[in-house]
Amino acid sequence: MAAHRIDQAPNGRRMMRRPSFESVDSNQSCESLSTPPRRRRRSPVPTKTHGTIIMNGTFQKLLFLLFIVVIFDMFFVWDYFDGLDENAGGPEAGLHHLHESKRLGNLYGQILSGLQFGKPAEKAPTPEKETTHHSANFDSLPDGEKIEELEKEVFEWKEKYEHAMATLGQNPYPGGIPDIPIPFTPIPPNRGNDDGMRKPKKSRAELENEETYGADEHIVKILHSANVEIDQELAGQLPTWDDVVSLYGDKPIINGLEMCEPYREAVKPEDRMIGPAGMFNTGTNLLFELMKENCNIKEAHAKHREPRRNGMRWQVPWGKHNPPITHRFKNIAKAWGQGITQDDFLPVVLIKDPYTWMASQCRHKYTTFWGHDDEHCPNLIRWRVKDKDEPSTVRVKFALSMVIYESLLDMWNKWYEEWNEQTFPHLTTRFEDLLFHGEEVAKAACDCVGGDFTDDFKFSEDSAKPARGVHQGANGLVKAMLQYGDPSKRLNGFTDRDRVYASKNVDSELMRKYSYPAPPLPTG
């Protein structure tokens, strides 16, 4: 057994000695002897703190990333809407002018509310009520001019109401379309036109007796159907019929007519509907206006679906610009899509020369995003990249998805290849045929759906573009003829590298099917 020191416990701890009475100072009290001395604890060393969570490094990084995401979203949303309200010339323009200030105001308010973290959203101030569109000197105008200005204002509000209801997919006249005569301010006798009052439009019969200054008779017939008067200056600018034939042939192309009879057998007359589908800038609004003015399915009157209750619809119910495979039966368009049986709908698909279509995209991009500017468009090959031919990638926002294409040309190829594979009843025709063979195309579509076609075909005044007012539609038609009837304008904006890329990558089957000639390659 191991020996232990007398002053050490068996567990190895040192025993505290008790002081002997002999060694204690006589001046010490007994109280001091009974209480052992306590060791003073060291005060804790203050540690470094991080302060509030705002000063936390990880939180700051997350906050910075959130800020970057918000900024990116703001630019993306703005880019989405940027260009939707630009004026596109000719019949390629869309119905994108509706409620411009309201839409952008709501967008601005949403962005602000998203940035005010933790703060209650403030109610947007109520805009001042617009009481008049009159000119500043309205009270001093002659009575005739006052009447004309008031007439114009009434019809502007009427058109706004009809467009707003159409966008919501609702019938603006559920109780029947009011029989409102078109206002006309007569020119007082012996006053001429010097007072600035509106000049009455001439009828087709009157126009046919007017001088046409050598304009081609085919072109004259089309313009007279839109009540466009031809003067010497306009006649000198119009394309010749030979130019039109060199680009598009002398007859319209309408594919799918063999599906008309099966469609009529499968769908009851009162359930039949027809309307346009097509890529952006392909004349879908023009087709709608031509059908609305010149075709009527009388059995559809009882359905109360359209403002005119004639079966003529503004777009296919899944959205006219959306690809059919990913959107038919899967999407319901906000405008004119509610309550429609999609099987009962006969689409008329519009295709356009890919070269002029790409130039149209440069003027009005809709929801298409790719690298380009005013001086470099369509920019099929990235102009900044010099050492190789690198296509400019395109992103397109459809209703249900964002799709990425190699280039604008690839977008045109894939979109129409998808429609080319569809076997359900539909027609496909060219945008250019609407311009130069509008009556024949509209009649074929009307007959296909079982409608009654008019005996007095006409381009409505607003058929060529959505802007309203006297002669604006006719001017759009003329502008489109000048643009798409001139072979020298077909390749505007294309670089030599763009042209070579297009010639190698365009879908040659679609080009042959719709008789679009291949442009010559650049020399050298």
Protein backbone atom coordinates (compact mmCIF):
# COMPACT_ATOMS: atom_id res chain seq x y z
CA MET A 1 0.00 0.00 0.00
CA ALA A 2 1.46 3.25 -1.06
CA ALA A 3 2.38 5.73 1.58
CA HIS A 4 0.64 9.09 1.64
CA ARG A 5 1.75 12.36 2.93
CA ILE A 6 -0.02 13.42 6.02
CA ASP A 7 -1.13 16.68 4.40
CA GLN A 8 -2.44 15.05 1.19
CA ALA A 9 -5.68 13.21 0.70
CA PRO A 10 -5.64 9.70 -0.72
CA ASN A 11 -7.10 10.94 -4.04
CA GLY A 12 -4.06 13.03 -4.67
CA ARG A 13 -5.54 16.40 -3.79
CA ARG A 14 -3.61 18.51 -1.44
CA MET A 15 -5.24 19.06 1.93
CA MET A 16 -5.56 22.62 3.14
CA ARG A 17 -3.62 23.22 6.28
CA ARG A 18 -5.42 24.67 9.16
CA PRO A 19 -3.45 27.47 10.72
CA SER A 20 -2.13 26.83 14.18
CA PHE A 21 -3.21 29.04 16.98
CA GLU A 22 0.36 29.60 17.80
CA SER A 23 1.09 31.27 14.47
CA VAL A 24 -1.88 33.58 14.56
CA ASP A 25 -1.39 37.13 15.44
CA SER A 26 -3.00 37.96 18.67
CA ASN A 27 -4.61 41.01 17.08
CA GLN A 28 -6.62 38.84 14.62
CA SER A 29 -10.19 38.17 15.59
CA CYS A 30 -11.72 34.72 15.83
CA GLU A 31 -14.12 35.65 13.02
CA SER A 32 -11.26 35.91 10.59
CA LEU A 33 -10.14 32.50 11.51
CA SER A 34 -13.48 30.84 10.93
CA THR A 35 -13.94 32.09 7.30
CA PRO A 36 -11.44 30.85 4.71
CA PRO A 37 -10.19 33.44 2.20
CA ARG A 38 -12.05 33.58 -1.16
CA ARG A 39 -10.27 33.76 -4.48
CA ARG A 40 -11.19 36.77 -6.56
CA ARG A 41 -12.64 35.91 -9.92
CA ARG A 42 -11.21 37.60 -12.92
CA SER A 43 -13.70 39.77 -14.73
CA PRO A 44 -14.59 38.33 -18.13
CA VAL A 45 -12.76 39.75 -21.10
CA PRO A 46 -15.23 41.67 -23.29
CA THR A 47 -15.76 39.95 -26.63
CA LYS A 48 -16.14 41.69 -29.97
CA THR A 49 -19.82 41.92 -31.03
CA HIS A 50 -21.29 42.32 -34.53
CA GLY A 51 -23.95 44.81 -33.62
CA THR A 52 -27.30 44.61 -35.43
CA ILE A 53 -28.16 42.09 -38.14
CA ILE A 54 -27.77 44.85 -40.73
CA MET A 55 -24.02 44.83 -40.03
CA ASN A 56 -23.77 41.07 -40.48
CA GLY A 57 -21.56 40.25 -43.48
CA THR A 58 -23.68 37.35 -44.74
CA PHE A 59 -26.83 39.43 -44.50
CA GLN A 60 -25.17 42.26 -46.43
CA LYS A 61 -24.21 39.86 -49.22
CA LEU A 62 -27.76 38.52 -49.44
CA LEU A 63 -29.14 42.04 -49.44
CA PHE A 64 -26.79 42.99 -52.26
CA LEU A 65 -27.84 39.95 -54.31
CA LEU A 66 -31.51 40.82 -53.70
CA PHE A 67 -30.83 44.35 -54.90
CA ILE A 68 -29.22 43.02 -58.09
CA VAL A 69 -32.22 40.72 -58.72
CA VAL A 70 -34.68 43.59 -58.24
CA ILE A 71 -32.73 45.83 -60.62
CA PHE A 72 -32.56 43.03 -63.20
CA ASP A 73 -36.29 42.39 -62.91
CA MET A 74 -37.01 46.09 -63.37
CA PHE A 75 -34.99 46.21 -66.56
CA PHE A 76 -36.47 42.93 -67.80
CA VAL A 77 -40.03 44.08 -67.19
CA TRP A 78 -39.32 47.41 -68.82
CA ASP A 79 -37.72 45.66 -71.79
CA TYR A 80 -40.81 43.46 -72.02
CA PHE A 81 -43.07 46.47 -72.40
CA ASP A 82 -40.61 48.61 -74.32
CA GLY A 83 -41.72 48.78 -77.94
CA LEU A 84 -45.24 47.53 -77.30
CA ASP A 85 -46.51 51.04 -77.78
CA GLU A 86 -44.38 52.08 -80.71
CA ASN A 87 -46.13 52.90 -83.95
CA ALA A 88 -45.59 50.18 -86.50
CA GLY A 89 -46.26 51.16 -90.04
CA GLY A 90 -48.75 49.52 -92.32
CA PRO A 91 -51.03 46.60 -91.53
CA GLU A 92 -48.40 44.81 -89.47
CA ALA A 93 -49.26 46.89 -86.39
CA GLY A 94 -51.06 45.20 -83.50
CA LEU A 95 -53.73 46.32 -81.06
CA HIS A 96 -51.17 47.48 -78.52
CA HIS A 97 -52.24 51.10 -78.10
CA LEU A 98 -55.02 50.30 -75.61
CA HIS A 99 -54.88 52.05 -72.25
CA GLU A 100 -51.22 53.06 -72.63
CA SER A 101 -51.05 55.44 -69.69
CA LYS A 102 -53.01 53.12 -67.39
CA ARG A 103 -50.85 50.10 -68.16
CA LEU A 104 -47.54 51.91 -67.67
CA GLY A 105 -48.88 53.64 -64.56
CA ASN A 106 -49.80 50.31 -63.02
CA LEU A 107 -46.38 48.91 -63.89
CA TYR A 108 -44.67 51.88 -62.23
CA GLY A 109 -46.81 51.49 -59.11
CA GLN A 110 -46.04 47.79 -58.85
CA ILE A 111 -42.30 48.41 -59.07
CA LEU A 112 -42.46 51.09 -56.36
CA SER A 113 -44.53 48.90 -54.04
CA GLY A 114 -42.02 46.08 -54.53
CA LEU A 115 -39.16 48.34 -53.45
CA GLN A 116 -40.90 49.63 -50.31
CA PHE A 117 -40.02 46.69 -48.05
CA GLY A 118 -42.19 46.48 -44.95
CA LYS A 119 -44.19 49.59 -45.81
CA PRO A 120 -47.91 49.48 -46.58
CA ALA A 121 -48.61 50.26 -50.20
CA GLU A 122 -50.00 53.71 -50.63
CA LYS A 123 -53.11 54.10 -52.67
CA ALA A 124 -52.34 55.54 -56.06
CA PRO A 125 -53.69 59.04 -56.49
CA THR A 126 -56.82 59.24 -58.54
CA PRO A 127 -55.99 60.88 -61.86
CA GLU A 128 -57.79 64.04 -62.69
CA LYS A 129 -60.85 63.40 -64.74
CA GLU A 130 -60.32 64.32 -68.34
CA THR A 131 -63.23 66.49 -69.19
CA THR A 132 -62.54 67.47 -72.75
CA HIS A 133 -60.44 66.86 -75.82
CA HIS A 134 -61.39 70.17 -77.31
CA SER A 135 -58.81 72.49 -78.74
CA ALA A 136 -57.86 75.56 -76.74
CA ASN A 137 -59.79 77.85 -79.05
CA PHE A 138 -62.87 75.66 -79.25
CA ASP A 139 -65.25 78.39 -78.16
CA SER A 140 -64.05 80.70 -80.91
CA LEU A 141 -64.47 78.13 -83.71
CA PRO A 142 -67.26 78.45 -86.28
CA ASP A 143 -70.29 76.28 -85.63
CA GLY A 144 -69.41 73.91 -88.45
CA GLU A 145 -65.96 73.22 -87.04
CA LYS A 146 -67.37 72.76 -83.53
CA ILE A 147 -69.75 70.10 -84.86
CA GLU A 148 -66.91 68.34 -86.66
CA GLU A 149 -64.70 68.32 -83.57
CA LEU A 150 -67.52 67.01 -81.38
CA GLU A 151 -68.28 64.26 -83.89
CA LYS A 152 -64.65 63.24 -83.86
CA GLU A 153 -64.58 63.15 -80.07
CA VAL A 154 -67.74 61.02 -79.86
CA PHE A 155 -66.32 58.41 -82.22
CA GLU A 156 -62.95 58.39 -80.46
CA TRP A 157 -64.66 57.46 -77.19
CA LYS A 158 -66.83 54.91 -78.99
CA GLU A 159 -63.74 53.22 -80.46
CA LYS A 160 -62.00 53.24 -77.06
CA TYR A 161 -65.00 51.57 -75.48
CA GLU A 162 -65.25 48.90 -78.18
CA HIS A 163 -61.52 48.13 -78.03
CA ALA A 164 -61.52 47.94 -74.25
CA MET A 165 -64.44 45.50 -74.25
CA ALA A 166 -62.82 43.47 -77.03
CA THR A 167 -59.62 43.21 -75.01
CA LEU A 168 -61.65 41.83 -72.09
CA GLY A 169 -63.35 39.39 -74.45
CA GLN A 170 -66.77 40.85 -73.81
CA ASN A 171 -69.53 42.00 -76.10
CA PRO A 172 -69.75 45.82 -75.93
CA TYR A 173 -73.36 45.73 -77.13
CA PRO A 174 -75.12 42.83 -75.38
CA GLY A 175 -78.48 44.31 -76.27
CA GLY A 176 -77.64 44.59 -79.94
CA ILE A 177 -75.41 46.91 -81.93
CA PRO A 178 -76.88 50.42 -81.99
CA ASP A 179 -77.73 51.76 -85.39
CA ILE A 180 -75.55 54.87 -85.29
CA PRO A 181 -75.22 56.58 -88.67
CA ILE A 182 -71.75 57.73 -89.65
CA PRO A 183 -71.67 61.46 -89.01
CA PHE A 184 -70.92 63.78 -91.88
CA THR A 185 -70.70 67.51 -91.77
CA PRO A 186 -71.99 68.85 -95.10
CA ILE A 187 -70.08 71.61 -96.79
CA PRO A 188 -72.27 74.72 -96.91
CA PRO A 189 -73.20 75.88 -100.43
CA ASN A 190 -70.81 78.25 -102.17
CA ARG A 191 -68.20 77.77 -99.43
CA GLY A 192 -65.91 75.23 -101.13
CA ASN A 193 -63.30 73.63 -98.86
CA ASP A 194 -61.57 76.82 -97.74
CA ASP A 195 -63.14 76.69 -94.28
CA GLY A 196 -61.14 73.56 -93.39
CA MET A 197 -64.21 71.35 -92.95
CA ARG A 198 -63.95 67.65 -93.64
CA LYS A 199 -63.99 66.64 -97.24
CA PRO A 200 -66.46 63.81 -97.98
CA LYS A 201 -64.93 60.57 -99.21
CA LYS A 202 -65.76 59.63 -102.76
CA SER A 203 -67.64 56.43 -103.48
CA ARG A 204 -66.09 53.64 -105.50
CA ALA A 205 -68.24 54.57 -108.48
CA GLU A 206 -66.96 58.13 -108.30
CA LEU A 207 -63.36 56.98 -107.94
CA GLU A 208 -63.66 54.73 -110.98
CA ASN A 209 -64.39 57.80 -113.07
CA GLU A 210 -61.33 59.63 -111.76
CA GLU A 211 -57.96 59.88 -113.47
CA THR A 212 -55.47 57.27 -112.19
CA TYR A 213 -52.35 58.71 -113.89
CA GLY A 214 -51.11 55.44 -115.34
CA ALA A 215 -51.22 53.37 -112.11
CA ASP A 216 -51.54 49.63 -112.65
CA GLU A 217 -55.18 48.56 -112.84
CA HIS A 218 -54.69 45.76 -110.27
CA ILE A 219 -53.29 48.23 -107.75
CA VAL A 220 -56.01 50.78 -108.58
CA LYS A 221 -58.74 48.22 -107.90
CA ILE A 222 -57.33 47.45 -104.45
CA LEU A 223 -57.01 51.11 -103.50
CA HIS A 224 -60.48 51.95 -104.75
CA SER A 225 -61.88 49.16 -102.56
CA ALA A 226 -60.44 51.13 -99.64
CA ASN A 227 -61.83 54.40 -101.04
CA VAL A 228 -58.33 55.76 -101.63
CA GLU A 229 -58.13 58.52 -104.19
CA ILE A 230 -55.07 58.36 -106.43
CA ASP A 231 -53.27 61.55 -107.39
CA GLN A 232 -50.33 62.01 -109.71
CA GLU A 233 -47.73 61.93 -106.93
CA LEU A 234 -49.06 58.68 -105.46
CA ALA A 235 -49.35 57.06 -108.88
CA GLY A 236 -45.65 57.64 -109.47
CA GLN A 237 -44.74 55.81 -106.24
CA LEU A 238 -46.99 52.77 -106.49
CA PRO A 239 -45.44 49.40 -107.45
CA THR A 240 -46.19 47.83 -110.78
CA TRP A 241 -48.03 44.54 -111.00
CA ASP A 242 -44.93 43.02 -112.58
CA ASP A 243 -42.99 43.87 -109.39
CA VAL A 244 -45.65 42.16 -107.27
CA VAL A 245 -45.69 39.06 -109.50
CA SER A 246 -41.89 38.82 -109.40
CA LEU A 247 -42.04 38.63 -105.62
CA TYR A 248 -45.20 36.61 -104.92
CA GLY A 249 -46.61 35.24 -108.17
CA ASP A 250 -49.87 36.22 -109.85
CA LYS A 251 -52.25 34.18 -107.68
CA PRO A 252 -52.80 33.84 -103.92
CA ILE A 253 -51.69 30.73 -102.05
CA ILE A 254 -54.22 29.24 -99.63
CA ASN A 255 -53.30 25.88 -98.13
CA GLY A 256 -55.76 23.69 -96.22
CA LEU A 257 -58.88 24.18 -98.34
CA GLU A 258 -59.36 20.39 -98.38
CA MET A 259 -60.11 20.61 -94.64
CA CYS A 260 -63.09 22.94 -95.10
CA GLU A 261 -65.75 20.32 -95.80
CA PRO A 262 -64.75 18.06 -92.87
CA TYR A 263 -64.79 21.13 -90.62
CA ARG A 264 -68.30 22.14 -91.70
CA GLU A 265 -69.52 18.57 -91.21
CA ALA A 266 -68.06 18.37 -87.71
CA VAL A 267 -69.13 21.79 -86.35
CA LYS A 268 -72.68 23.10 -86.24
CA PRO A 269 -73.24 26.40 -88.12
CA GLU A 270 -74.08 28.34 -84.95
CA ASP A 271 -70.82 27.13 -83.31
CA ARG A 272 -68.49 27.97 -86.20
CA MET A 273 -65.88 30.67 -85.72
CA ILE A 274 -62.90 31.87 -87.72
CA GLY A 275 -59.97 34.12 -86.86
CA PRO A 276 -56.26 34.74 -87.42
CA ALA A 277 -53.10 33.17 -86.06
CA GLY A 278 -49.59 34.16 -87.02
CA MET A 279 -46.24 35.41 -85.86
CA PHE A 280 -45.85 39.03 -84.81
CA ASN A 281 -46.06 41.49 -87.73
CA THR A 282 -47.85 39.17 -90.15
CA GLY A 283 -51.11 41.07 -90.72
CA THR A 284 -53.40 39.30 -88.26
CA ASN A 285 -55.31 42.52 -87.57
CA LEU A 286 -55.75 43.15 -91.28
CA LEU A 287 -57.28 39.70 -91.76
CA PHE A 288 -59.68 40.25 -88.86
CA GLU A 289 -60.87 43.56 -90.29
CA LEU A 290 -61.35 42.12 -93.78
CA MET A 291 -63.37 39.19 -92.43
CA LYS A 292 -65.37 41.34 -90.04
CA GLU A 293 -66.39 43.75 -92.81
CA ASN A 294 -67.07 41.24 -95.57
CA CYS A 295 -68.12 37.88 -94.07
CA ASN A 296 -71.09 36.88 -91.95
CA ILE A 297 -72.14 33.59 -90.36
CA LYS A 298 -75.81 34.34 -89.86
CA GLU A 299 -76.35 31.34 -87.56
CA ALA A 300 -73.84 32.85 -85.10
CA HIS A 301 -76.12 35.82 -84.34
CA ALA A 302 -77.82 33.95 -81.51
CA LYS A 303 -74.53 33.26 -79.70
CA HIS A 304 -73.71 36.90 -78.78
CA ARG A 305 -70.01 36.09 -78.84
CA GLU A 306 -68.63 38.94 -80.93
CA PRO A 307 -69.57 42.63 -81.11
CA ARG A 308 -71.11 42.00 -84.54
CA ARG A 309 -72.28 38.46 -83.68
CA ASN A 310 -71.04 37.17 -87.03
CA GLY A 311 -68.51 34.48 -86.01
CA MET A 312 -65.52 36.61 -86.99
CA ARG A 313 -63.01 36.53 -84.12
CA TRP A 314 -59.98 38.73 -83.43
CA GLN A 315 -57.69 35.78 -82.72
CA VAL A 316 -57.58 32.07 -82.02
CA PRO A 317 -58.73 31.36 -78.45
CA TRP A 318 -55.28 30.22 -77.27
CA GLY A 319 -53.62 33.44 -78.50
CA LYS A 320 -52.77 34.18 -82.11
CA HIS A 321 -48.98 34.52 -81.63
CA ASN A 322 -48.56 31.39 -79.48
CA PRO A 323 -47.28 28.11 -80.99
CA PRO A 324 -50.11 25.56 -81.32
CA ILE A 325 -48.45 22.50 -79.75
CA THR A 326 -47.68 24.19 -76.44
CA HIS A 327 -50.77 26.41 -76.22
CA ARG A 328 -53.79 24.88 -77.96
CA PHE A 329 -56.07 23.37 -75.28
CA LYS A 330 -53.55 24.56 -72.68
CA ASN A 331 -54.01 28.34 -72.74
CA ILE A 332 -57.02 30.66 -72.82
CA ALA A 333 -56.26 34.07 -74.30
CA LYS A 334 -57.29 37.02 -72.16
CA ALA A 335 -58.74 38.78 -75.20
CA TRP A 336 -61.48 36.90 -77.07
CA GLY A 337 -60.50 33.55 -75.54
CA GLN A 338 -62.99 33.04 -72.72
CA GLY A 339 -65.91 30.65 -73.19
CA ILE A 340 -64.75 29.38 -76.58
CA THR A 341 -64.66 25.70 -77.53
CA GLN A 342 -61.26 25.53 -79.18
CA ASP A 343 -62.21 22.54 -81.34
CA ASP A 344 -64.94 24.62 -82.99
CA PHE A 345 -62.50 27.33 -84.10
CA LEU A 346 -61.08 27.47 -87.65
CA PRO A 347 -57.69 29.26 -87.61
CA VAL A 348 -56.36 31.16 -90.60
CA VAL A 349 -52.58 31.15 -90.23
CA LEU A 350 -50.67 34.04 -91.81
CA ILE A 351 -47.11 33.64 -93.01
CA LYS A 352 -44.81 36.33 -94.35
CA ASP A 353 -41.67 36.43 -96.47
CA PRO A 354 -38.95 35.76 -93.87
CA TYR A 355 -36.75 38.55 -95.20
CA THR A 356 -39.37 41.29 -94.97
CA TRP A 357 -40.70 39.77 -91.74
CA MET A 358 -37.32 40.14 -90.06
CA ALA A 359 -37.22 43.78 -91.15
CA SER A 360 -40.69 44.21 -89.60
CA GLN A 361 -39.36 42.82 -86.33
CA CYS A 362 -36.70 45.52 -86.39
CA ARG A 363 -39.43 48.16 -86.51
CA HIS A 364 -41.61 46.53 -83.87
CA LYS A 365 -40.20 43.68 -81.78
CA TYR A 366 -43.22 42.87 -79.55
CA THR A 367 -42.02 40.33 -76.93
CA THR A 368 -38.91 39.29 -78.88
CA PHE A 369 -35.50 40.08 -77.41
CA TRP A 370 -32.15 39.89 -79.17
CA GLY A 371 -29.02 41.96 -79.66
CA HIS A 372 -29.53 44.67 -82.28
CA ASP A 373 -29.80 48.40 -82.74
CA ASP A 374 -31.14 50.80 -85.35
CA GLU A 375 -28.03 50.48 -87.48
CA HIS A 376 -27.58 46.71 -87.12
CA CYS A 377 -30.82 44.83 -87.68
CA PRO A 378 -31.90 42.05 -88.16
CA ASN A 379 -28.35 41.21 -86.99
CA LEU A 380 -28.61 37.49 -87.72
CA ILE A 381 -24.84 37.31 -87.29
CA ARG A 382 -23.52 39.34 -84.37
CA TRP A 383 -21.90 42.32 -85.98
CA ARG A 384 -19.51 42.93 -83.07
CA VAL A 385 -17.96 39.46 -83.48
CA LYS A 386 -15.54 39.69 -86.38
CA ASP A 387 -13.44 36.51 -86.19
CA LYS A 388 -16.35 34.06 -86.67
CA ASP A 389 -20.00 33.94 -87.73
CA GLU A 390 -21.88 33.77 -84.44
CA PRO A 391 -25.71 33.92 -84.63
CA SER A 392 -27.51 36.41 -82.41
CA THR A 393 -29.64 34.42 -79.96
CA VAL A 394 -33.33 35.36 -79.68
CA ARG A 395 -35.59 35.02 -76.63
CA VAL A 396 -39.36 35.11 -77.19
CA LYS A 397 -41.97 35.43 -74.45
CA PHE A 398 -45.10 33.49 -75.31
CA ALA A 399 -48.10 33.16 -73.01
CA LEU A 400 -46.90 30.04 -71.19
CA SER A 401 -43.14 29.96 -71.77
CA MET A 402 -39.99 31.76 -72.78
CA VAL A 403 -38.41 30.11 -75.84
CA ILE A 404 -34.83 30.58 -77.01
CA TYR A 405 -34.00 30.43 -80.72
CA GLU A 406 -30.66 30.52 -82.48
CA SER A 407 -31.66 33.61 -84.46
CA LEU A 408 -34.66 35.49 -85.87
CA LEU A 409 -34.56 33.21 -88.89
CA ASP A 410 -34.59 30.13 -86.66
CA MET A 411 -37.63 31.59 -84.89
CA TRP A 412 -39.46 31.94 -88.23
CA ASN A 413 -38.46 28.40 -89.25
CA LYS A 414 -39.53 26.68 -86.05
CA TRP A 415 -42.80 28.57 -85.59
CA TYR A 416 -44.12 27.76 -89.09
CA GLU A 417 -42.69 24.26 -89.15
CA GLU A 418 -44.82 23.55 -86.09
CA TRP A 419 -47.96 24.81 -87.83
CA ASN A 420 -47.03 22.87 -90.96
CA GLU A 421 -47.24 19.64 -88.94
CA GLN A 422 -50.76 20.26 -87.57
CA THR A 423 -53.52 18.03 -88.94
CA PHE A 424 -56.61 19.71 -87.43
CA PRO A 425 -58.60 21.97 -89.83
CA HIS A 426 -56.91 25.29 -90.54
CA LEU A 427 -56.01 27.47 -93.48
CA THR A 428 -52.63 29.05 -94.19
CA THR A 429 -52.14 32.02 -96.49
CA ARG A 430 -49.58 34.75 -97.02
CA PHE A 431 -49.64 38.25 -95.61
CA GLU A 432 -48.78 39.56 -99.06
CA ASP A 433 -51.92 37.90 -100.47
CA LEU A 434 -54.02 39.95 -98.06
CA LEU A 435 -52.55 43.09 -99.60
CA PHE A 436 -52.69 42.18 -103.26
CA HIS A 437 -55.47 39.53 -103.35
CA GLY A 438 -57.47 40.49 -100.28
CA GLU A 439 -60.91 39.88 -101.78
CA GLU A 440 -60.08 36.42 -103.07
CA VAL A 441 -58.46 35.33 -99.80
CA ALA A 442 -61.29 36.67 -97.63
CA LYS A 443 -63.93 34.98 -99.81
CA ALA A 444 -62.14 31.62 -99.67
CA ALA A 445 -61.91 31.80 -95.88
CA CYS A 446 -65.55 32.87 -95.58
CA ASP A 447 -66.72 30.03 -97.82
CA CYS A 448 -64.62 27.55 -95.84
CA VAL A 449 -66.42 28.40 -92.60
CA GLY A 450 -69.83 28.45 -94.28
CA GLY A 451 -70.37 32.20 -94.13
CA ASP A 452 -72.07 34.63 -96.49
CA PHE A 453 -69.63 36.84 -98.39
CA THR A 454 -70.45 40.38 -99.34
CA ASP A 455 -71.22 41.51 -102.89
CA ASP A 456 -69.43 44.80 -102.26
CA PHE A 457 -65.97 43.95 -100.95
CA LYS A 458 -64.07 46.73 -99.24
CA PHE A 459 -61.02 47.42 -97.18
CA SER A 460 -62.38 49.17 -94.12
CA GLU A 461 -60.85 52.52 -93.30
CA ASP A 462 -59.08 51.11 -90.25
CA SER A 463 -58.23 47.69 -91.68
CA ALA A 464 -54.63 48.46 -92.45
CA LYS A 465 -53.61 49.60 -88.98
CA PRO A 466 -55.36 50.14 -85.67
CA ALA A 467 -54.99 53.92 -85.47
CA ARG A 468 -58.31 55.63 -85.92
CA GLY A 469 -59.44 58.67 -87.83
CA VAL A 470 -60.11 59.81 -91.35
CA HIS A 471 -57.88 58.19 -94.03
CA GLN A 472 -55.43 56.67 -91.55
CA GLY A 473 -56.33 53.12 -92.52
CA ALA A 474 -56.04 53.90 -96.20
CA ASN A 475 -52.68 55.52 -95.64
CA GLY A 476 -51.54 52.35 -93.90
CA LEU A 477 -52.62 50.29 -96.89
CA VAL A 478 -50.73 52.56 -99.28
CA LYS A 479 -47.63 52.48 -97.09
CA ALA A 480 -47.74 48.68 -96.97
CA MET A 481 -48.04 48.47 -100.75
CA LEU A 482 -45.05 50.75 -101.18
CA GLN A 483 -43.03 48.67 -98.71
CA TYR A 484 -43.90 45.13 -99.77
CA GLY A 485 -44.39 45.71 -103.49
CA ASP A 486 -40.88 47.05 -104.05
CA PRO A 487 -38.24 44.31 -104.63
CA SER A 488 -35.41 46.75 -103.80
CA LYS A 489 -36.60 47.02 -100.17
CA ARG A 490 -36.64 43.31 -99.43
CA LEU A 491 -33.10 43.12 -98.01
CA ASN A 492 -32.98 46.44 -96.18
CA GLY A 493 -30.70 46.16 -93.13
CA PHE A 494 -29.10 42.83 -94.09
CA THR A 495 -25.32 42.59 -94.07
CA ASP A 496 -23.50 40.24 -96.43
CA ARG A 497 -22.93 37.84 -93.52
CA ASP A 498 -26.66 37.96 -92.68
CA ARG A 499 -27.57 37.11 -96.26
CA VAL A 500 -25.16 34.17 -96.43
CA TYR A 501 -26.41 32.81 -93.10
CA ALA A 502 -30.05 33.18 -94.21
CA SER A 503 -29.45 31.39 -97.51
CA LYS A 504 -27.90 28.41 -95.69
CA ASN A 505 -30.39 28.16 -92.82
CA VAL A 506 -33.82 29.22 -94.10
CA ASP A 507 -36.34 26.37 -94.38
CA SER A 508 -36.24 25.74 -98.13
CA GLU A 509 -39.41 23.60 -98.02
CA LEU A 510 -41.44 26.46 -96.57
CA MET A 511 -39.92 28.87 -99.10
CA ARG A 512 -41.00 26.61 -101.98
CA LYS A 513 -44.42 25.89 -100.51
CA TYR A 514 -45.26 29.59 -100.28
CA SER A 515 -43.37 30.67 -103.41
CA TYR A 516 -40.91 33.01 -101.74
CA PRO A 517 -37.92 33.35 -104.08
CA ALA A 518 -34.43 33.07 -102.66
CA PRO A 519 -32.62 36.42 -102.92
CA PRO A 520 -29.25 36.51 -104.70
CA LEU A 521 -26.13 35.99 -102.64
CA PRO A 522 -23.73 38.90 -102.22
CA THR A 523 -21.00 39.05 -104.82
CA GLY A 524 -17.49 38.07 -103.72
